[in-house]
Protein backbone atom coordinates (compact mmCIF):
# COMPACT_ATOMS: atom_id res chain seq x y z
CA MET A 1 -5.21 3.41 -27.28
CA LYS A 2 -5.09 7.17 -27.80
CA GLU A 3 -4.13 7.78 -24.14
CA THR A 4 -1.01 5.66 -24.61
CA GLN A 5 0.19 7.72 -27.56
CA TYR A 6 -0.57 10.98 -25.70
CA ILE A 7 1.51 9.87 -22.71
CA LEU A 8 4.39 8.74 -24.94
CA ASP A 9 4.33 12.05 -26.83
CA SER A 10 4.29 13.94 -23.50
CA ILE A 11 7.45 12.25 -22.21
CA SER A 12 9.28 11.83 -25.53
CA THR A 13 11.86 14.49 -24.57
CA LEU A 14 12.68 12.56 -21.39
CA ILE A 15 13.16 9.03 -22.72
CA ASP A 16 14.12 7.29 -25.94
CA ILE A 17 10.70 6.22 -27.22
CA SER A 18 12.25 3.90 -29.82
CA LYS A 19 13.28 1.53 -26.98
CA VAL A 20 9.77 1.37 -25.47
CA GLU A 21 8.01 -2.01 -25.36
CA VAL A 22 4.19 -2.11 -25.73
CA SER A 23 2.05 -5.22 -25.36
CA LYS A 24 -1.69 -5.34 -25.95
CA GLU A 25 -2.70 -8.81 -24.72
CA ASN A 26 -1.72 -9.35 -21.12
CA VAL A 27 -2.20 -11.86 -18.31
CA ASP A 28 -3.12 -10.99 -14.71
CA TYR A 29 -1.68 -12.62 -11.59
CA LYS A 30 -4.34 -15.36 -11.78
CA GLY A 31 -3.46 -16.22 -15.39
CA ARG A 32 -6.54 -14.56 -16.93
CA LYS A 33 -6.07 -12.76 -20.25
CA TYR A 34 -7.12 -9.14 -20.66
CA ILE A 35 -6.58 -6.26 -23.11
CA SER A 36 -4.61 -3.16 -22.17
CA ASP A 37 -1.63 -1.17 -23.38
CA TYR A 38 1.20 -2.36 -21.11
CA VAL A 39 4.12 -0.02 -21.76
CA ILE A 40 7.64 -0.66 -20.46
CA LEU A 41 9.77 2.48 -20.57
CA ASN A 42 12.77 1.06 -18.72
CA LYS A 43 12.85 -2.64 -17.89
CA SER A 44 15.82 -2.62 -15.49
CA ASP A 45 14.16 -0.08 -13.16
CA ASN A 46 10.59 -1.33 -13.74
CA ILE A 47 9.37 2.01 -15.12
CA GLY A 48 6.25 2.08 -17.23
CA PHE A 49 2.50 2.42 -17.33
CA GLU A 50 -0.60 0.49 -18.26
CA VAL A 51 -3.70 1.95 -19.90
CA PHE A 52 -6.95 0.05 -19.32
CA GLU A 53 -10.07 0.51 -21.42
CA GLY A 54 -12.14 1.25 -18.33
CA GLU A 55 -10.66 4.74 -17.93
CA GLU A 56 -7.82 3.76 -15.63
CA ILE A 57 -4.06 4.17 -15.88
CA ARG A 58 -1.50 2.49 -13.64
CA VAL A 59 2.01 3.96 -13.46
CA PHE A 60 4.72 1.69 -12.07
CA TYR A 61 8.27 2.54 -11.08
CA LEU A 62 10.96 0.82 -9.01
CA ARG A 63 8.90 -1.28 -6.56
CA GLU A 64 5.86 1.02 -6.39
CA HIS A 65 2.82 1.84 -8.49
CA SER A 66 -0.03 4.37 -8.55
CA HIS A 67 -3.51 4.14 -10.02
CA PHE A 68 -5.35 6.99 -11.71
CA GLY A 69 -8.99 6.64 -12.72
CA ILE A 70 -12.63 7.49 -12.23
CA ASP A 71 -12.89 4.80 -9.53
CA TYR A 72 -10.23 6.75 -7.59
CA GLY A 73 -12.27 9.97 -7.50
CA MET A 74 -10.76 11.62 -10.57
CA LYS A 75 -12.47 13.34 -13.45
CA GLU A 76 -11.89 11.80 -16.87
CA THR A 77 -9.88 14.84 -17.99
CA GLU A 78 -7.49 14.53 -15.00
CA ILE A 79 -6.50 10.88 -15.42
CA VAL A 80 -3.96 11.12 -18.25
CA ASP A 81 -2.46 14.39 -16.98
CA ALA A 82 -1.92 12.91 -13.51
CA ALA A 83 -0.17 9.87 -15.01
CA VAL A 84 2.06 12.11 -17.16
CA ASP A 85 2.92 14.27 -14.13
CA LEU A 86 4.01 11.22 -12.11
CA LEU A 87 6.06 9.81 -14.99
CA ARG A 88 7.79 13.18 -15.40
CA LYS A 89 8.70 13.15 -11.71
CA VAL A 90 10.06 9.62 -11.93
CA LEU A 91 12.10 10.45 -15.04
CA THR A 92 13.42 13.88 -13.96
CA CYS A 93 13.64 14.00 -10.16
CA LYS A 94 15.94 12.25 -7.75
CA VAL A 95 13.97 9.55 -5.98
CA LYS A 96 14.59 8.52 -2.37
CA TYR A 97 13.51 4.99 -1.55
CA ALA A 98 13.23 4.65 2.24
CA GLN A 99 12.72 1.28 3.91
CA VAL A 100 11.89 1.01 7.62
CA PHE A 101 12.77 -2.25 9.34
CA LYS A 102 11.89 -3.55 12.82
CA GLY A 103 14.58 -6.11 13.45
CA ASP A 104 14.91 -7.96 10.13
CA LYS A 105 11.25 -7.42 9.10
CA LEU A 106 10.35 -4.78 6.51
CA LYS A 107 7.68 -2.59 8.08
CA LYS A 108 7.25 0.27 5.60
CA GLU A 109 8.51 1.56 2.26
CA THR A 110 8.16 5.21 1.22
CA ILE A 111 9.06 6.97 -2.02
CA TYR A 112 10.08 10.65 -2.01
CA PHE A 113 10.78 12.93 -5.00
CA LEU A 114 13.28 15.81 -4.86
CA VAL A 115 11.27 18.78 -6.16
CA ASN A 116 12.71 22.31 -5.89
CA ASN A 117 15.36 21.08 -3.42
CA GLN A 118 12.75 19.62 -1.04
CA TRP A 119 11.74 15.98 -0.60
CA GLU A 120 8.08 15.55 -1.58
CA LYS A 121 6.39 12.39 -0.31
CA GLY A 122 5.19 10.01 -2.99
CA CYS A 123 3.54 6.79 -1.89
CA THR A 124 3.93 4.62 1.20
CA THR A 125 3.39 0.89 1.58
CA SER A 126 3.06 -0.54 5.10
CA TYR A 127 3.59 -4.21 5.91
CA SER A 128 2.86 -4.34 9.64
CA PHE A 129 -0.46 -6.12 9.07
CA VAL A 130 1.17 -8.81 6.91
CA THR A 131 3.91 -10.11 9.18
CA LYS A 132 4.34 -10.38 12.91
CA ILE A 133 6.72 -7.66 14.00
CA ASN A 134 8.46 -7.66 17.36
CA PRO A 135 7.59 -4.24 18.87
CA PHE A 136 10.84 -4.34 20.88
CA ALA A 137 13.10 -4.98 17.89
CA LYS A 138 15.53 -2.27 16.84
CA LYS A 139 14.19 0.14 14.19
CA THR A 140 16.52 0.80 11.26
CA ILE A 141 16.03 2.88 8.13
CA LYS A 142 17.72 2.12 4.82
CA GLU A 143 17.62 4.91 2.22
CA THR A 144 18.63 4.67 -1.42
CA ILE A 145 18.79 7.67 -3.72
CA TRP A 146 18.00 6.87 -7.35
CA GLU A 147 18.09 9.05 -10.47
CA PHE A 148 17.02 8.10 -13.97
CA LYS A 149 19.35 8.88 -16.87
CA LYS A 150 17.96 9.27 -20.38
CA SER A 151 20.47 6.72 -21.66
CA GLY A 152 18.37 4.09 -19.87
CA GLU A 153 20.90 3.57 -17.11
CA HIS A 154 20.37 4.72 -13.57
CA ARG A 155 22.52 5.95 -10.73
CA GLU A 156 22.22 4.93 -7.09
């Protein structure tokens, strides 16, 4: 798809494009086949994106992902640029991965990007509705700082 090539061209100075894996025929979590460009930029850190024919792009990184598309209130011209902007952040900024626990239960995960020496909030995933959490359990926060290196390795 033309959007896939545009994104790859836009980040080609940040990553070795020759090591990129692209698959066209994919299978969803229910085993159904579908067509998209599923692009893996860095397998060990789960960095990549997926371009769907229905004007949607999903960017995934570490344990998170973000969707960009018309169904998410975006104009068609904004979709690809928003995906490129997020991929540039993932590939160039330090990333703080914060996990909040109540006792031994994971309650929330938040991603932050270090932009101009300030932590900018990325996305948050809350799990309080999924598991029963003891409200009296001790709250602990585990933070990991991650940084992508063009060689394909990462530092924690």
